[in-house]
Amino acid sequence: MSQMREKIIDEIKKVYDPEIPVNVWDLGLIYDINIEQDKIVIEMTFTSPMCPMMEDIIDQIKSNVETVSEGKMVDVKLVWDPAWDLSRMSEAARIELDLTEQGW
């Protein structure tokens, strides 16, 4: 994994949905990170299209990643396909939310 990708992931891990005590990376909301010559494109989703904090979370991800982007433009794209589900969560997130194998 490139150093820039690691830095991007570290910045994304600082962003939390205020209603869920798990960062958006471990929730599995980030689908792709594409580092191009002049920009960084992050594809992400939400657990629900009705999330009231959607814009704030997107803005926070963009702002955090810009701190390590080395001057590249940061574009956060919202995608709904494939739909998010519990299987996208990290094991640590499932444990934090008490969603072990038996619970989901």
N, C-alpha and C. Protein backbone atom coordinates (compact mmCIF):
# COMPACT_ATOMS: atom_id res chain seq x y z
N MET A 1 0.85 -1.18 0.00
CA MET A 1 0.00 0.00 0.00
C MET A 1 0.90 1.24 0.00
N SER A 2 0.58 2.19 -0.84
CA SER A 2 1.40 3.38 -0.92
C SER A 2 1.29 4.21 0.36
N GLN A 3 2.32 5.00 0.61
CA GLN A 3 2.32 5.85 1.79
C GLN A 3 1.16 6.83 1.75
N MET A 4 0.87 7.38 0.57
CA MET A 4 -0.23 8.34 0.47
C MET A 4 -1.56 7.65 0.79
N ARG A 5 -1.75 6.45 0.28
CA ARG A 5 -2.99 5.73 0.56
C ARG A 5 -3.14 5.48 2.06
N GLU A 6 -2.05 5.10 2.71
CA GLU A 6 -2.09 4.88 4.16
C GLU A 6 -2.46 6.16 4.90
N LYS A 7 -1.89 7.29 4.47
CA LYS A 7 -2.20 8.58 5.09
C LYS A 7 -3.67 8.94 4.88
N ILE A 8 -4.18 8.67 3.69
CA ILE A 8 -5.59 8.96 3.39
C ILE A 8 -6.49 8.13 4.30
N ILE A 9 -6.20 6.85 4.42
CA ILE A 9 -7.00 5.98 5.27
C ILE A 9 -6.94 6.45 6.72
N ASP A 10 -5.75 6.84 7.18
CA ASP A 10 -5.62 7.36 8.55
C ASP A 10 -6.52 8.58 8.77
N GLU A 11 -6.60 9.45 7.77
CA GLU A 11 -7.44 10.65 7.89
C GLU A 11 -8.93 10.28 7.84
N ILE A 12 -9.28 9.32 7.01
CA ILE A 12 -10.67 8.87 6.93
C ILE A 12 -11.09 8.25 8.26
N LYS A 13 -10.18 7.53 8.90
CA LYS A 13 -10.50 6.88 10.18
C LYS A 13 -10.78 7.88 11.30
N LYS A 14 -10.48 9.14 11.09
CA LYS A 14 -10.77 10.17 12.08
C LYS A 14 -12.21 10.68 11.99
N VAL A 15 -12.94 10.23 10.97
CA VAL A 15 -14.30 10.71 10.73
C VAL A 15 -15.32 9.69 11.24
N TYR A 16 -16.23 10.16 12.08
CA TYR A 16 -17.26 9.31 12.68
C TYR A 16 -18.63 9.84 12.35
N ASP A 17 -19.58 8.94 12.18
CA ASP A 17 -20.98 9.32 12.16
C ASP A 17 -21.33 9.61 13.62
N PRO A 18 -21.87 10.78 13.94
CA PRO A 18 -22.13 11.13 15.34
C PRO A 18 -23.09 10.17 16.04
N GLU A 19 -23.86 9.42 15.29
CA GLU A 19 -24.83 8.49 15.90
C GLU A 19 -24.24 7.11 16.13
N ILE A 20 -23.06 6.84 15.56
CA ILE A 20 -22.46 5.50 15.64
C ILE A 20 -21.01 5.66 16.13
N PRO A 21 -20.62 4.96 17.18
CA PRO A 21 -19.26 5.14 17.73
C PRO A 21 -18.17 4.39 16.97
N VAL A 22 -18.26 4.39 15.65
CA VAL A 22 -17.29 3.69 14.80
C VAL A 22 -16.96 4.61 13.62
N ASN A 23 -15.70 4.65 13.22
CA ASN A 23 -15.32 5.53 12.11
C ASN A 23 -15.86 4.99 10.78
N VAL A 24 -15.93 5.89 9.80
CA VAL A 24 -16.55 5.54 8.51
C VAL A 24 -15.76 4.48 7.75
N TRP A 25 -14.45 4.41 7.98
CA TRP A 25 -13.64 3.36 7.34
C TRP A 25 -14.06 1.99 7.85
N ASP A 26 -14.07 1.83 9.18
CA ASP A 26 -14.42 0.53 9.77
C ASP A 26 -15.89 0.18 9.57
N LEU A 27 -16.73 1.18 9.36
CA LEU A 27 -18.13 0.89 9.03
C LEU A 27 -18.26 0.31 7.62
N GLY A 28 -17.22 0.46 6.82
CA GLY A 28 -17.26 -0.05 5.45
C GLY A 28 -17.94 0.90 4.49
N LEU A 29 -17.96 2.18 4.83
CA LEU A 29 -18.64 3.16 3.98
C LEU A 29 -17.77 3.62 2.81
N ILE A 30 -16.46 3.37 2.89
CA ILE A 30 -15.56 3.76 1.80
C ILE A 30 -15.42 2.58 0.85
N TYR A 31 -15.83 2.79 -0.38
CA TYR A 31 -15.79 1.72 -1.38
C TYR A 31 -14.50 1.71 -2.19
N ASP A 32 -13.93 2.89 -2.44
CA ASP A 32 -12.73 2.94 -3.27
C ASP A 32 -11.97 4.23 -3.03
N ILE A 33 -10.66 4.15 -3.14
CA ILE A 33 -9.78 5.32 -3.10
C ILE A 33 -8.92 5.23 -4.35
N ASN A 34 -9.05 6.21 -5.22
CA ASN A 34 -8.28 6.22 -6.47
C ASN A 34 -7.37 7.45 -6.46
N ILE A 35 -6.06 7.22 -6.41
CA ILE A 35 -5.09 8.31 -6.39
C ILE A 35 -4.59 8.50 -7.82
N GLU A 36 -4.97 9.64 -8.40
CA GLU A 36 -4.56 9.96 -9.76
C GLU A 36 -3.45 11.01 -9.72
N GLN A 37 -2.96 11.39 -10.87
CA GLN A 37 -1.85 12.34 -10.93
C GLN A 37 -2.22 13.68 -10.28
N ASP A 38 -3.43 14.17 -10.55
CA ASP A 38 -3.80 15.49 -10.04
C ASP A 38 -4.98 15.49 -9.07
N LYS A 39 -5.52 14.31 -8.77
CA LYS A 39 -6.64 14.28 -7.82
C LYS A 39 -6.75 12.94 -7.11
N ILE A 40 -7.50 12.99 -6.03
CA ILE A 40 -7.82 11.80 -5.25
C ILE A 40 -9.34 11.66 -5.29
N VAL A 41 -9.80 10.51 -5.75
CA VAL A 41 -11.24 10.27 -5.83
C VAL A 41 -11.59 9.19 -4.81
N ILE A 42 -12.52 9.54 -3.92
CA ILE A 42 -12.97 8.61 -2.89
C ILE A 42 -14.44 8.31 -3.15
N GLU A 43 -14.75 7.04 -3.33
CA GLU A 43 -16.14 6.63 -3.51
C GLU A 43 -16.64 6.09 -2.18
N MET A 44 -17.78 6.59 -1.75
CA MET A 44 -18.33 6.17 -0.47
C MET A 44 -19.84 6.10 -0.53
N THR A 45 -20.40 5.47 0.49
CA THR A 45 -21.83 5.36 0.62
C THR A 45 -22.20 5.65 2.07
N PHE A 46 -23.46 5.49 2.38
CA PHE A 46 -23.95 5.63 3.76
C PHE A 46 -24.85 4.44 4.06
N THR A 47 -25.07 4.21 5.34
CA THR A 47 -25.94 3.11 5.73
C THR A 47 -27.37 3.37 5.32
N SER A 48 -27.71 4.65 5.13
CA SER A 48 -29.07 5.02 4.73
C SER A 48 -29.01 6.29 3.90
N PRO A 49 -29.82 6.38 2.83
CA PRO A 49 -29.86 7.63 2.06
C PRO A 49 -30.52 8.77 2.83
N MET A 50 -31.07 8.46 4.00
CA MET A 50 -31.74 9.48 4.81
C MET A 50 -30.83 10.03 5.92
N CYS A 51 -29.55 9.71 5.89
CA CYS A 51 -28.62 10.16 6.93
C CYS A 51 -28.61 11.69 6.99
N PRO A 52 -28.98 12.26 8.13
CA PRO A 52 -29.03 13.73 8.22
C PRO A 52 -27.65 14.38 8.26
N MET A 53 -26.61 13.61 8.52
CA MET A 53 -25.26 14.15 8.62
C MET A 53 -24.43 13.92 7.36
N MET A 54 -25.07 13.49 6.29
CA MET A 54 -24.37 13.12 5.07
C MET A 54 -23.41 14.21 4.58
N GLU A 55 -23.89 15.42 4.40
CA GLU A 55 -23.05 16.50 3.88
C GLU A 55 -21.90 16.81 4.82
N ASP A 56 -22.17 16.83 6.13
CA ASP A 56 -21.11 17.12 7.10
C ASP A 56 -20.02 16.06 7.06
N ILE A 57 -20.41 14.80 6.97
CA ILE A 57 -19.43 13.71 6.93
C ILE A 57 -18.60 13.77 5.66
N ILE A 58 -19.24 14.00 4.53
CA ILE A 58 -18.51 14.14 3.26
C ILE A 58 -17.53 15.30 3.34
N ASP A 59 -17.98 16.45 3.87
CA ASP A 59 -17.11 17.62 4.00
C ASP A 59 -15.92 17.33 4.92
N GLN A 60 -16.16 16.61 5.99
CA GLN A 60 -15.09 16.30 6.93
C GLN A 60 -14.07 15.35 6.30
N ILE A 61 -14.54 14.36 5.56
CA ILE A 61 -13.62 13.46 4.86
C ILE A 61 -12.76 14.25 3.89
N LYS A 62 -13.41 15.08 3.09
CA LYS A 62 -12.67 15.89 2.11
C LYS A 62 -11.64 16.78 2.80
N SER A 63 -12.05 17.46 3.84
CA SER A 63 -11.15 18.35 4.57
C SER A 63 -9.97 17.59 5.17
N ASN A 64 -10.24 16.46 5.80
CA ASN A 64 -9.17 15.66 6.40
C ASN A 64 -8.18 15.16 5.35
N VAL A 65 -8.70 14.64 4.25
CA VAL A 65 -7.82 14.08 3.21
C VAL A 65 -7.01 15.19 2.53
N GLU A 66 -7.57 16.38 2.42
CA GLU A 66 -6.82 17.49 1.83
C GLU A 66 -5.55 17.80 2.60
N THR A 67 -5.51 17.48 3.89
CA THR A 67 -4.31 17.75 4.70
C THR A 67 -3.14 16.86 4.30
N VAL A 68 -3.39 15.77 3.60
CA VAL A 68 -2.32 14.85 3.18
C VAL A 68 -2.30 14.65 1.66
N SER A 69 -3.04 15.47 0.93
CA SER A 69 -3.22 15.26 -0.52
C SER A 69 -2.07 15.76 -1.38
N GLU A 70 -1.10 16.44 -0.77
CA GLU A 70 0.04 16.97 -1.52
C GLU A 70 -0.40 17.83 -2.70
N GLY A 71 -1.43 18.65 -2.48
CA GLY A 71 -1.91 19.58 -3.49
C GLY A 71 -2.88 18.99 -4.49
N LYS A 72 -3.16 17.71 -4.40
CA LYS A 72 -4.13 17.10 -5.31
C LYS A 72 -5.55 17.50 -4.90
N MET A 73 -6.42 17.67 -5.88
CA MET A 73 -7.82 17.93 -5.60
C MET A 73 -8.43 16.67 -4.98
N VAL A 74 -9.32 16.84 -4.02
CA VAL A 74 -9.98 15.70 -3.39
C VAL A 74 -11.45 15.73 -3.78
N ASP A 75 -11.91 14.64 -4.36
CA ASP A 75 -13.30 14.52 -4.80
C ASP A 75 -13.93 13.33 -4.08
N VAL A 76 -14.97 13.58 -3.28
CA VAL A 76 -15.68 12.50 -2.59
C VAL A 76 -16.98 12.27 -3.33
N LYS A 77 -17.11 11.09 -3.93
CA LYS A 77 -18.30 10.74 -4.72
C LYS A 77 -19.19 9.82 -3.91
N LEU A 78 -20.45 10.15 -3.88
CA LEU A 78 -21.44 9.35 -3.17
C LEU A 78 -22.02 8.33 -4.14
N VAL A 79 -21.98 7.05 -3.74
CA VAL A 79 -22.52 5.98 -4.58
C VAL A 79 -23.49 5.14 -3.75
N TRP A 80 -24.46 4.56 -4.42
CA TRP A 80 -25.45 3.72 -3.73
C TRP A 80 -25.45 2.29 -4.24
N ASP A 81 -24.59 2.00 -5.22
CA ASP A 81 -24.53 0.67 -5.78
C ASP A 81 -23.09 0.19 -5.77
N PRO A 82 -22.77 -0.86 -5.06
CA PRO A 82 -23.71 -1.74 -4.36
C PRO A 82 -24.17 -1.11 -3.05
N ALA A 83 -25.33 -1.55 -2.62
CA ALA A 83 -25.88 -1.05 -1.36
C ALA A 83 -25.02 -1.51 -0.20
N TRP A 84 -24.88 -0.67 0.81
CA TRP A 84 -24.12 -1.02 2.00
C TRP A 84 -24.88 -2.09 2.78
N ASP A 85 -24.12 -3.01 3.40
CA ASP A 85 -24.73 -3.96 4.34
C ASP A 85 -23.70 -4.28 5.42
N LEU A 86 -24.14 -4.97 6.45
CA LEU A 86 -23.30 -5.25 7.62
C LEU A 86 -22.00 -5.99 7.27
N SER A 87 -22.00 -6.74 6.19
CA SER A 87 -20.80 -7.51 5.85
C SER A 87 -19.62 -6.62 5.48
N ARG A 88 -19.86 -5.36 5.18
CA ARG A 88 -18.79 -4.44 4.81
C ARG A 88 -18.04 -3.91 6.03
N MET A 89 -18.60 -4.09 7.22
CA MET A 89 -17.98 -3.60 8.44
C MET A 89 -16.76 -4.43 8.82
N SER A 90 -15.77 -3.78 9.43
CA SER A 90 -14.62 -4.51 9.93
C SER A 90 -15.03 -5.33 11.15
N GLU A 91 -14.22 -6.32 11.48
CA GLU A 91 -14.50 -7.12 12.67
C GLU A 91 -14.51 -6.25 13.92
N ALA A 92 -13.59 -5.29 13.99
CA ALA A 92 -13.53 -4.39 15.15
C ALA A 92 -14.83 -3.59 15.28
N ALA A 93 -15.39 -3.15 14.15
CA ALA A 93 -16.64 -2.39 14.19
C ALA A 93 -17.80 -3.27 14.66
N ARG A 94 -17.83 -4.51 14.18
CA ARG A 94 -18.90 -5.42 14.61
C ARG A 94 -18.82 -5.70 16.11
N ILE A 95 -17.61 -5.84 16.62
CA ILE A 95 -17.44 -6.06 18.06
C ILE A 95 -17.88 -4.82 18.83
N GLU A 96 -17.45 -3.64 18.37
CA GLU A 96 -17.80 -2.38 19.04
C GLU A 96 -19.32 -2.20 19.11
N LEU A 97 -20.01 -2.60 18.06
CA LEU A 97 -21.46 -2.43 17.99
C LEU A 97 -22.21 -3.67 18.45
N ASP A 98 -21.47 -4.65 18.97
CA ASP A 98 -22.06 -5.90 19.46
C ASP A 98 -22.86 -6.60 18.36
N LEU A 99 -22.25 -6.69 17.21
CA LEU A 99 -22.86 -7.35 16.06
C LEU A 99 -22.02 -8.55 15.66
N THR A 100 -21.77 -9.42 16.61
CA THR A 100 -21.00 -10.61 16.32
C THR A 100 -21.78 -11.52 15.41
N GLU A 101 -21.15 -12.56 14.94
CA GLU A 101 -21.79 -13.50 13.99
C GLU A 101 -23.21 -13.90 14.42
N GLN A 102 -23.40 -14.15 15.72
CA GLN A 102 -24.71 -14.56 16.18
C GLN A 102 -25.73 -13.41 16.10
N GLY A 103 -25.22 -12.16 16.17
CA GLY A 103 -26.13 -11.00 16.20
C GLY A 103 -26.54 -10.50 14.84
N TRP A 104 -25.92 -11.01 13.77
CA TRP A 104 -26.31 -10.54 12.43
C TRP A 104 -26.22 -11.66 11.50
